[in-house]
């Protein structure tokens, strides 16, 4: 029995045992990988998704179609991985990174802000909680396309008539305008979007008055304007926007925690860039 004490025999025996164990594991692994298991919970998820979209429970044909699609997707995905098609694929990499970012986000519990933190956030981001300045005005439009070189003269002459002791109805004057002739409580930023920044800036400096003023240039032409009401921009008190302030604070806190967690994940890896200094 001397051969039993031979180191070579021990090595061969150990190698055989390792190979046998690997073969068993490989067989089980292949069997598991070649089996597409559709669990009861997965079927329930499909049915719930169908119900939420269609508004009714799925019938037998509907479930059969969903199961067929699911089997098709799983089989093709596994075959793609077997062929290595998931490697070096930008879309797959981005999708996995996105899913991981969702996982990271779910790991953190929200910490509710203190009153002092809400006050500080409200003050530091006042622009988010400020009601915009608004204007209420009427206007009479003069089109350069219609009047040409006489546009400014026509506007000046009409301004004199409108501010006379017995003025004509403003709606009967000027040229047709594609938008409105009167605007109520219009935010200045919306006014700038529709008429142009210069027009909005000029109107913001006009006094509230029954008199007509102008002419004022816009992206469309010339306007005579009657500003009847204005409100200045105003920061909403914290008590009126507390829910929005808390929501803003929580969202920013989540973003910061998520970014910190992602940076910690990145720090686990050694990054090497070919050709880099």
C-alpha atoms as a PDB file:
ATOM      1  CA  UNK A   1       0.000   0.000   0.000  1.00  0.00           C
ATOM      2  CA  UNK A   2       3.016   2.199  -0.463  1.00  0.00           C
ATOM      3  CA  UNK A   3       1.366   3.913  -3.447  1.00  0.00           C
ATOM      4  CA  UNK A   4      -1.312   5.327  -1.089  1.00  0.00           C
ATOM      5  CA  UNK A   5       1.382   7.360   0.621  1.00  0.00           C
ATOM      6  CA  UNK A   6       2.709   8.692  -2.677  1.00  0.00           C
ATOM      7  CA  UNK A   7       2.171  12.507  -2.912  1.00  0.00           C
ATOM      8  CA  UNK A   8       1.333  12.197  -6.591  1.00  0.00           C
ATOM      9  CA  UNK A   9      -1.535   9.864  -5.758  1.00  0.00           C
ATOM     10  CA  UNK A  10      -2.829  12.346  -3.199  1.00  0.00           C
ATOM     11  CA  UNK A  11      -2.659  15.132  -5.742  1.00  0.00           C
ATOM     12  CA  UNK A  12      -4.480  13.117  -8.398  1.00  0.00           C
ATOM     13  CA  UNK A  13      -7.149  12.073  -5.903  1.00  0.00           C
ATOM     14  CA  UNK A  14      -7.693  15.649  -4.707  1.00  0.00           C
ATOM     15  CA  UNK A  15      -7.844  16.865  -8.291  1.00  0.00           C
ATOM     16  CA  UNK A  16     -10.414  14.216  -9.149  1.00  0.00           C
ATOM     17  CA  UNK A  17     -12.586  15.206  -6.197  1.00  0.00           C
ATOM     18  CA  UNK A  18     -12.401  18.882  -7.147  1.00  0.00           C
ATOM     19  CA  UNK A  19     -13.268  18.062 -10.754  1.00  0.00           C
ATOM     20  CA  UNK A  20     -16.209  15.907  -9.670  1.00  0.00           C
ATOM     21  CA  UNK A  21     -17.511  18.631  -7.364  1.00  0.00           C
ATOM     22  CA  UNK A  22     -17.169  21.207 -10.118  1.00  0.00           C
ATOM     23  CA  UNK A  23     -18.957  18.924 -12.588  1.00  0.00           C
ATOM     24  CA  UNK A  24     -21.857  18.489 -10.178  1.00  0.00           C
ATOM     25  CA  UNK A  25     -22.058  22.240  -9.557  1.00  0.00           C
ATOM     26  CA  UNK A  26     -21.810  22.955 -13.286  1.00  0.00           C
ATOM     27  CA  UNK A  27     -24.586  20.493 -14.056  1.00  0.00           C
ATOM     28  CA  UNK A  28     -26.864  22.055 -11.454  1.00  0.00           C
ATOM     29  CA  UNK A  29     -25.940  25.521 -12.643  1.00  0.00           C
ATOM     30  CA  UNK A  30     -26.688  24.611 -16.253  1.00  0.00           C
ATOM     31  CA  UNK A  31     -29.981  23.055 -15.233  1.00  0.00           C
ATOM     32  CA  UNK A  32     -30.933  26.189 -13.298  1.00  0.00           C
ATOM     33  CA  UNK A  33     -29.869  28.430 -16.152  1.00  0.00           C
ATOM     34  CA  UNK A  34     -31.830  26.363 -18.672  1.00  0.00           C
ATOM     35  CA  UNK A  35     -34.992  26.549 -16.557  1.00  0.00           C
ATOM     36  CA  UNK A  36     -37.261  29.550 -16.812  1.00  0.00           C
ATOM     37  CA  UNK A  37     -39.197  29.644 -13.562  1.00  0.00           C
ATOM     38  CA  UNK A  38     -42.300  31.829 -13.486  1.00  0.00           C
ATOM     39  CA  UNK A  39     -43.307  32.243  -9.874  1.00  0.00           C
ATOM     40  CA  UNK A  40     -46.791  32.845  -8.560  1.00  0.00           C
ATOM     41  CA  UNK A  41     -45.738  36.324  -7.448  1.00  0.00           C
ATOM     42  CA  UNK A  42     -44.564  37.095 -10.990  1.00  0.00           C
ATOM     43  CA  UNK A  43     -47.922  35.995 -12.405  1.00  0.00           C
ATOM     44  CA  UNK A  44     -49.701  38.171  -9.841  1.00  0.00           C
ATOM     45  CA  UNK A  45     -47.485  41.115 -10.844  1.00  0.00           C
ATOM     46  CA  UNK A  46     -48.378  40.635 -14.523  1.00  0.00           C
ATOM     47  CA  UNK A  47     -52.085  40.452 -13.719  1.00  0.00           C
ATOM     48  CA  UNK A  48     -51.906  43.569 -11.547  1.00  0.00           C
ATOM     49  CA  UNK A  49     -50.047  45.475 -14.273  1.00  0.00           C
ATOM     50  CA  UNK A  50     -52.631  44.437 -16.853  1.00  0.00           C
ATOM     51  CA  UNK A  51     -55.478  45.499 -14.554  1.00  0.00           C
ATOM     52  CA  UNK A  52     -53.926  48.906 -13.860  1.00  0.00           C
ATOM     53  CA  UNK A  53     -53.537  49.579 -17.589  1.00  0.00           C
ATOM     54  CA  UNK A  54     -56.704  47.974 -18.984  1.00  0.00           C
ATOM     55  CA  UNK A  55     -59.017  48.611 -16.033  1.00  0.00           C
ATOM     56  CA  UNK A  56     -60.184  44.996 -15.994  1.00  0.00           C
ATOM     57  CA  UNK A  57     -58.867  41.592 -14.951  1.00  0.00           C
ATOM     58  CA  UNK A  58     -56.985  39.665 -17.637  1.00  0.00           C
ATOM     59  CA  UNK A  59     -58.682  36.686 -19.282  1.00  0.00           C
ATOM     60  CA  UNK A  60     -57.023  33.359 -20.059  1.00  0.00           C
ATOM     61  CA  UNK A  61     -55.910  34.554 -23.502  1.00  0.00           C
ATOM     62  CA  UNK A  62     -54.483  37.734 -22.015  1.00  0.00           C
ATOM     63  CA  UNK A  63     -52.485  35.827 -19.386  1.00  0.00           C
ATOM     64  CA  UNK A  64     -51.250  33.369 -22.003  1.00  0.00           C
ATOM     65  CA  UNK A  65     -50.027  36.257 -24.173  1.00  0.00           C
ATOM     66  CA  UNK A  66     -48.276  37.942 -21.242  1.00  0.00           C
ATOM     67  CA  UNK A  67     -46.621  34.673 -20.175  1.00  0.00           C
ATOM     68  CA  UNK A  68     -45.486  34.025 -23.742  1.00  0.00           C
ATOM     69  CA  UNK A  69     -43.963  37.503 -23.984  1.00  0.00           C
ATOM     70  CA  UNK A  70     -42.256  37.098 -20.607  1.00  0.00           C
ATOM     71  CA  UNK A  71     -40.772  33.701 -21.553  1.00  0.00           C
ATOM     72  CA  UNK A  72     -39.574  35.136 -24.842  1.00  0.00           C
ATOM     73  CA  UNK A  73     -37.871  38.079 -23.117  1.00  0.00           C
ATOM     74  CA  UNK A  74     -36.180  35.929 -20.465  1.00  0.00           C
ATOM     75  CA  UNK A  75     -34.961  33.359 -22.992  1.00  0.00           C
ATOM     76  CA  UNK A  76     -33.543  35.987 -25.333  1.00  0.00           C
ATOM     77  CA  UNK A  77     -31.925  37.875 -22.430  1.00  0.00           C
ATOM     78  CA  UNK A  78     -30.227  34.737 -21.117  1.00  0.00           C
ATOM     79  CA  UNK A  79     -29.006  33.798 -24.560  1.00  0.00           C
ATOM     80  CA  UNK A  80     -27.652  37.314 -25.055  1.00  0.00           C
ATOM     81  CA  UNK A  81     -25.747  37.087 -21.762  1.00  0.00           C
ATOM     82  CA  UNK A  82     -24.427  33.651 -22.730  1.00  0.00           C
ATOM     83  CA  UNK A  83     -23.027  35.181 -25.914  1.00  0.00           C
ATOM     84  CA  UNK A  84     -21.571  38.104 -23.967  1.00  0.00           C
ATOM     85  CA  UNK A  85     -23.802  40.672 -25.647  1.00  0.00           C
ATOM     86  CA  UNK A  86     -24.246  42.476 -22.335  1.00  0.00           C
ATOM     87  CA  UNK A  87     -20.547  43.319 -22.178  1.00  0.00           C
ATOM     88  CA  UNK A  88     -19.370  46.801 -23.168  1.00  0.00           C
ATOM     89  CA  UNK A  89     -22.923  47.870 -24.009  1.00  0.00           C
ATOM     90  CA  UNK A  90     -23.510  51.527 -23.124  1.00  0.00           C
ATOM     91  CA  UNK A  91     -27.294  51.212 -22.906  1.00  0.00           C
ATOM     92  CA  UNK A  92     -27.126  48.200 -20.563  1.00  0.00           C
ATOM     93  CA  UNK A  93     -24.451  49.893 -18.460  1.00  0.00           C
ATOM     94  CA  UNK A  94     -26.557  53.023 -18.095  1.00  0.00           C
ATOM     95  CA  UNK A  95     -29.668  51.015 -17.259  1.00  0.00           C
ATOM     96  CA  UNK A  96     -27.844  49.044 -14.551  1.00  0.00           C
ATOM     97  CA  UNK A  97     -26.354  52.266 -13.184  1.00  0.00           C
ATOM     98  CA  UNK A  98     -29.835  53.764 -13.086  1.00  0.00           C
ATOM     99  CA  UNK A  99     -31.251  50.768 -11.243  1.00  0.00           C
ATOM    100  CA  UNK A 100     -28.370  50.897  -8.766  1.00  0.00           C
ATOM    101  CA  UNK A 101     -29.027  54.583  -8.154  1.00  0.00           C
ATOM    102  CA  UNK A 102     -32.643  53.676  -7.313  1.00  0.00           C
ATOM    103  CA  UNK A 103     -31.400  51.037  -4.880  1.00  0.00           C
ATOM    104  CA  UNK A 104     -29.067  53.580  -3.265  1.00  0.00           C
ATOM    105  CA  UNK A 105     -31.939  56.038  -2.963  1.00  0.00           C
ATOM    106  CA  UNK A 106     -34.152  53.484  -1.206  1.00  0.00           C
ATOM    107  CA  UNK A 107     -31.479  52.764   1.409  1.00  0.00           C
ATOM    108  CA  UNK A 108     -31.840  56.161   3.063  1.00  0.00           C
ATOM    109  CA  UNK A 109     -34.596  57.136   5.461  1.00  0.00           C
ATOM    110  CA  UNK A 110     -35.805  60.708   5.298  1.00  0.00           C
ATOM    111  CA  UNK A 111     -34.832  62.936   8.216  1.00  0.00           C
ATOM    112  CA  UNK A 112     -37.477  65.576   8.811  1.00  0.00           C
ATOM    113  CA  UNK A 113     -36.135  69.145   8.921  1.00  0.00           C
ATOM    114  CA  UNK A 114     -36.229  71.273  12.030  1.00  0.00           C
ATOM    115  CA  UNK A 115     -38.026  74.611  12.098  1.00  0.00           C
ATOM    116  CA  UNK A 116     -34.690  76.413  11.921  1.00  0.00           C
ATOM    117  CA  UNK A 117     -33.677  74.408   8.858  1.00  0.00           C
ATOM    118  CA  UNK A 118     -36.959  75.281   7.148  1.00  0.00           C
ATOM    119  CA  UNK A 119     -36.467  78.961   7.949  1.00  0.00           C
ATOM    120  CA  UNK A 120     -32.913  78.918   6.614  1.00  0.00           C
ATOM    121  CA  UNK A 121     -33.969  77.106   3.423  1.00  0.00           C
ATOM    122  CA  UNK A 122     -36.856  79.527   2.867  1.00  0.00           C
ATOM    123  CA  UNK A 123     -34.516  82.498   3.203  1.00  0.00           C
ATOM    124  CA  UNK A 124     -31.698  81.019   1.111  1.00  0.00           C
ATOM    125  CA  UNK A 125     -34.025  80.098  -1.770  1.00  0.00           C
ATOM    126  CA  UNK A 126     -36.381  83.041  -1.651  1.00  0.00           C
ATOM    127  CA  UNK A 127     -36.669  83.140  -5.449  1.00  0.00           C
ATOM    128  CA  UNK A 128     -38.477  79.780  -5.398  1.00  0.00           C
ATOM    129  CA  UNK A 129     -41.175  81.056  -3.067  1.00  0.00           C
ATOM    130  CA  UNK A 130     -41.627  84.571  -4.404  1.00  0.00           C
ATOM    131  CA  UNK A 131     -44.864  85.510  -6.128  1.00  0.00           C
ATOM    132  CA  UNK A 132     -44.005  87.267  -9.401  1.00  0.00           C
ATOM    133  CA  UNK A 133     -44.796  90.882 -10.174  1.00  0.00           C
ATOM    134  CA  UNK A 134     -47.960  91.221 -12.261  1.00  0.00           C
ATOM    135  CA  UNK A 135     -49.621  93.805 -14.475  1.00  0.00           C
ATOM    136  CA  UNK A 136     -53.197  94.412 -15.565  1.00  0.00           C
ATOM    137  CA  UNK A 137     -53.329  96.422 -18.773  1.00  0.00           C
ATOM    138  CA  UNK A 138     -55.057  97.108 -22.080  1.00  0.00           C
ATOM    139  CA  UNK A 139     -53.308  97.936 -25.314  1.00  0.00           C
ATOM    140  CA  UNK A 140     -53.955  99.198 -28.825  1.00  0.00           C
ATOM    141  CA  UNK A 141     -51.774  97.643 -31.491  1.00  0.00           C
ATOM    142  CA  UNK A 142     -50.228  99.248 -34.567  1.00  0.00           C
ATOM    143  CA  UNK A 143     -48.780  96.931 -37.198  1.00  0.00           C
ATOM    144  CA  UNK A 144     -45.664  97.951 -39.170  1.00  0.00           C
ATOM    145  CA  UNK A 145     -46.688  95.448 -41.829  1.00  0.00           C
ATOM    146  CA  UNK A 146     -49.953  97.324 -42.352  1.00  0.00           C
ATOM    147  CA  UNK A 147     -48.859 100.940 -41.833  1.00  0.00           C
ATOM    148  CA  UNK A 148     -45.214 100.891 -42.815  1.00  0.00           C
ATOM    149  CA  UNK A 149     -43.433 104.204 -42.221  1.00  0.00           C
ATOM    150  CA  UNK A 150     -46.636 105.772 -40.844  1.00  0.00           C
ATOM    151  CA  UNK A 151     -46.860 103.366 -37.886  1.00  0.00           C
ATOM    152  CA  UNK A 152     -45.292 105.677 -35.282  1.00  0.00           C
ATOM    153  CA  UNK A 153     -47.234 108.740 -36.466  1.00  0.00           C
ATOM    154  CA  UNK A 154     -50.509 106.825 -36.346  1.00  0.00           C
ATOM    155  CA  UNK A 155     -49.762 105.654 -32.810  1.00  0.00           C
ATOM    156  CA  UNK A 156     -48.943 109.202 -31.615  1.00  0.00           C
ATOM    157  CA  UNK A 157     -52.104 110.604 -33.168  1.00  0.00           C
ATOM    158  CA  UNK A 158     -54.238 107.881 -31.573  1.00  0.00           C
ATOM    159  CA  UNK A 159     -52.581 108.474 -28.182  1.00  0.00           C
ATOM    160  CA  UNK A 160     -53.728 112.089 -28.309  1.00  0.00           C
ATOM    161  CA  UNK A 161     -57.278 111.012 -29.105  1.00  0.00           C
ATOM    162  CA  UNK A 162     -57.386 108.418 -26.302  1.00  0.00           C
ATOM    163  CA  UNK A 163     -56.258 110.922 -23.690  1.00  0.00           C
ATOM    164  CA  UNK A 164     -58.712 113.624 -24.832  1.00  0.00           C
ATOM    165  CA  UNK A 165     -61.705 114.621 -22.746  1.00  0.00           C
ATOM    166  CA  UNK A 166     -64.085 112.594 -24.923  1.00  0.00           C
ATOM    167  CA  UNK A 167     -61.996 109.622 -26.117  1.00  0.00           C
ATOM    168  CA  UNK A 168     -63.206 106.990 -28.604  1.00  0.00           C
ATOM    169  CA  UNK A 169     -63.503 103.341 -27.554  1.00  0.00           C
ATOM    170  CA  UNK A 170     -60.047 101.824 -27.529  1.00  0.00           C
ATOM    171  CA  UNK A 171     -61.333  98.557 -28.990  1.00  0.00           C
ATOM    172  CA  UNK A 172     -62.250 100.387 -32.214  1.00  0.00           C
ATOM    173  CA  UNK A 173     -58.733 101.734 -32.761  1.00  0.00           C
ATOM    174  CA  UNK A 174     -55.454 100.334 -34.046  1.00  0.00           C
ATOM    175  CA  UNK A 175     -54.973  97.165 -36.050  1.00  0.00           C
ATOM    176  CA  UNK A 176     -56.148  93.587 -35.476  1.00  0.00           C
ATOM    177  CA  UNK A 177     -53.945  91.703 -33.013  1.00  0.00           C
ATOM    178  CA  UNK A 178     -53.469  87.925 -32.929  1.00  0.00           C
ATOM    179  CA  UNK A 179     -53.519  87.785 -29.126  1.00  0.00           C
ATOM    180  CA  UNK A 180     -55.645  89.571 -26.522  1.00  0.00           C
ATOM    181  CA  UNK A 181     -56.243  93.290 -26.164  1.00  0.00           C
ATOM    182  CA  UNK A 182     -56.620  93.087 -22.375  1.00  0.00           C
ATOM    183  CA  UNK A 183     -54.601  91.157 -19.769  1.00  0.00           C
ATOM    184  CA  UNK A 184     -55.324  90.721 -16.075  1.00  0.00           C
ATOM    185  CA  UNK A 185     -52.667  90.066 -13.410  1.00  0.00           C
ATOM    186  CA  UNK A 186     -50.176  88.878 -15.996  1.00  0.00           C
ATOM    187  CA  UNK A 187     -46.784  87.850 -14.541  1.00  0.00           C
ATOM    188  CA  UNK A 188     -43.917  89.869 -15.962  1.00  0.00           C
ATOM    189  CA  UNK A 189     -42.051  86.756 -17.078  1.00  0.00           C
ATOM    190  CA  UNK A 190     -45.098  85.640 -19.078  1.00  0.00           C
ATOM    191  CA  UNK A 191     -45.422  89.141 -20.499  1.00  0.00           C
ATOM    192  CA  UNK A 192     -41.775  88.958 -21.577  1.00  0.00           C
ATOM    193  CA  UNK A 193     -42.349  85.544 -23.133  1.00  0.00           C
ATOM    194  CA  UNK A 194     -45.267  86.748 -25.231  1.00  0.00           C
ATOM    195  CA  UNK A 195     -44.225  90.306 -26.127  1.00  0.00           C
ATOM    196  CA  UNK A 196     -40.469  90.401 -25.575  1.00  0.00           C
ATOM    197  CA  UNK A 197     -38.218  91.401 -22.690  1.00  0.00           C
ATOM    198  CA  UNK A 198     -37.938  95.076 -23.650  1.00  0.00           C
ATOM    199  CA  UNK A 199     -41.738  95.444 -23.760  1.00  0.00           C
ATOM    200  CA  UNK A 200     -42.142  93.835 -20.329  1.00  0.00           C
ATOM    201  CA  UNK A 201     -39.378  95.943 -18.811  1.00  0.00           C
ATOM    202  CA  UNK A 202     -40.901  99.169 -20.156  1.00  0.00           C
ATOM    203  CA  UNK A 203     -44.373  98.313 -18.833  1.00  0.00           C
ATOM    204  CA  UNK A 204     -42.943  97.422 -15.416  1.00  0.00           C
ATOM    205  CA  UNK A 205     -41.755 101.041 -15.019  1.00  0.00           C
ATOM    206  CA  UNK A 206     -45.031 102.637 -16.093  1.00  0.00           C
ATOM    207  CA  UNK A 207     -47.265 104.131 -13.397  1.00  0.00           C
ATOM    208  CA  UNK A 208     -50.771 102.804 -12.849  1.00  0.00           C
ATOM    209  CA  UNK A 209     -53.015 105.362 -14.528  1.00  0.00           C
ATOM    210  CA  UNK A 210     -56.219 105.840 -16.443  1.00  0.00           C
ATOM    211  CA  UNK A 211     -54.144 107.628 -19.064  1.00  0.00           C
ATOM    212  CA  UNK A 212     -52.839 105.828 -22.103  1.00  0.00           C
ATOM    213  CA  UNK A 213     -49.062 105.679 -22.442  1.00  0.00           C
ATOM    214  CA  UNK A 214     -46.565 104.833 -25.166  1.00  0.00           C
ATOM    215  CA  UNK A 215     -46.004 103.994 -27.886  1.00  0.00           C
ATOM    216  CA  UNK A 216     -44.080 100.944 -26.684  1.00  0.00           C
ATOM    217  CA  UNK A 217     -42.234  98.597 -29.046  1.00  0.00           C
ATOM    218  CA  UNK A 218     -42.724  94.838 -28.895  1.00  0.00           C
ATOM    219  CA  UNK A 219     -41.816  91.870 -31.031  1.00  0.00           C
ATOM    220  CA  UNK A 220     -44.995  92.580 -33.036  1.00  0.00           C
ATOM    221  CA  UNK A 221     -44.907  96.325 -33.542  1.00  0.00           C
ATOM    222  CA  UNK A 222     -46.043  99.392 -31.554  1.00  0.00           C
ATOM    223  CA  UNK A 223     -48.563  99.539 -28.709  1.00  0.00           C
ATOM    224  CA  UNK A 224     -50.396 102.174 -26.732  1.00  0.00           C
ATOM    225  CA  UNK A 225     -50.811 100.868 -23.185  1.00  0.00           C
ATOM    226  CA  UNK A 226     -53.129 101.605 -20.263  1.00  0.00           C
ATOM    227  CA  UNK A 227     -51.832 100.075 -17.010  1.00  0.00           C
ATOM    228  CA  UNK A 228     -54.698  99.832 -14.524  1.00  0.00           C
ATOM    229  CA  UNK A 229     -53.176  97.635 -11.790  1.00  0.00           C
ATOM    230  CA  UNK A 230     -49.805  96.245 -10.745  1.00  0.00           C
ATOM    231  CA  UNK A 231     -48.427  94.126  -7.932  1.00  0.00           C
ATOM    232  CA  UNK A 232     -44.793  93.940  -6.893  1.00  0.00           C
ATOM    233  CA  UNK A 233     -42.981  90.647  -6.481  1.00  0.00           C
ATOM    234  CA  UNK A 234     -43.519  89.351  -2.943  1.00  0.00           C
ATOM    235  CA  UNK A 235     -41.892  86.593  -0.898  1.00  0.00           C
ATOM    236  CA  UNK A 236     -44.569  84.245   0.433  1.00  0.00           C
ATOM    237  CA  UNK A 237     -44.428  83.838   4.234  1.00  0.00           C
ATOM    238  CA  UNK A 238     -43.067  80.500   5.416  1.00  0.00           C
ATOM    239  CA  UNK A 239     -46.396  79.503   6.957  1.00  0.00           C
ATOM    240  CA  UNK A 240     -48.062  79.770   3.541  1.00  0.00           C
ATOM    241  CA  UNK A 241     -45.480  77.666   1.688  1.00  0.00           C
ATOM    242  CA  UNK A 242     -44.301  75.358   4.464  1.00  0.00           C
ATOM    243  CA  UNK A 243     -45.199  72.194   2.550  1.00  0.00           C
ATOM    244  CA  UNK A 244     -43.279  73.347  -0.549  1.00  0.00           C
ATOM    245  CA  UNK A 245     -40.261  74.374   1.537  1.00  0.00           C
ATOM    246  CA  UNK A 246     -40.209  71.001   3.319  1.00  0.00           C
ATOM    247  CA  UNK A 247     -40.525  69.168  -0.021  1.00  0.00           C
ATOM    248  CA  UNK A 248     -37.635  71.181  -1.493  1.00  0.00           C
ATOM    249  CA  UNK A 249     -35.453  70.567   1.561  1.00  0.00           C
ATOM    250  CA  UNK A 250     -36.142  66.818   1.561  1.00  0.00           C
ATOM    251  CA  UNK A 251     -35.430  66.486  -2.167  1.00  0.00           C
ATOM    252  CA  UNK A 252     -32.119  68.310  -1.839  1.00  0.00           C
ATOM    253  CA  UNK A 253     -31.161  66.243   1.215  1.00  0.00           C
ATOM    254  CA  UNK A 254     -31.945  63.032  -0.682  1.00  0.00           C
ATOM    255  CA  UNK A 255     -29.829  64.160  -3.623  1.00  0.00           C
ATOM    256  CA  UNK A 256     -26.891  64.933  -1.336  1.00  0.00           C
ATOM    257  CA  UNK A 257     -27.154  61.586   0.493  1.00  0.00           C
ATOM    258  CA  UNK A 258     -27.460  59.699  -2.792  1.00  0.00           C
ATOM    259  CA  UNK A 259     -24.447  61.459  -4.266  1.00  0.00           C
ATOM    260  CA  UNK A 260     -22.410  60.732  -1.133  1.00  0.00           C
ATOM    261  CA  UNK A 261     -23.349  57.038  -1.316  1.00  0.00           C
ATOM    262  CA  UNK A 262     -22.484  56.887  -5.029  1.00  0.00           C
ATOM    263  CA  UNK A 263     -19.109  58.506  -4.389  1.00  0.00           C
ATOM    264  CA  UNK A 264     -18.451  55.914  -1.679  1.00  0.00           C
ATOM    265  CA  UNK A 265     -19.192  53.153  -4.203  1.00  0.00           C
ATOM    266  CA  UNK A 266     -16.862  54.738  -6.761  1.00  0.00           C
ATOM    267  CA  UNK A 267     -14.139  54.992  -4.120  1.00  0.00           C
ATOM    268  CA  UNK A 268     -14.101  51.188  -3.826  1.00  0.00           C
ATOM    269  CA  UNK A 269     -12.657  50.937  -7.316  1.00  0.00           C
ATOM    270  CA  UNK A 270      -9.247  51.760  -8.704  1.00  0.00           C
ATOM    271  CA  UNK A 271      -9.720  53.784 -11.896  1.00  0.00           C
ATOM    272  CA  UNK A 272      -7.114  53.506 -14.612  1.00  0.00           C
ATOM    273  CA  UNK A 273      -7.343  55.540 -17.821  1.00  0.00           C
ATOM    274  CA  UNK A 274      -5.169  54.423 -20.681  1.00  0.00           C
ATOM    275  CA  UNK A 275      -3.092  57.256 -22.027  1.00  0.00           C
ATOM    276  CA  UNK A 276      -3.890  59.414 -18.996  1.00  0.00           C
ATOM    277  CA  UNK A 277      -1.245  61.240 -17.041  1.00  0.00           C
END
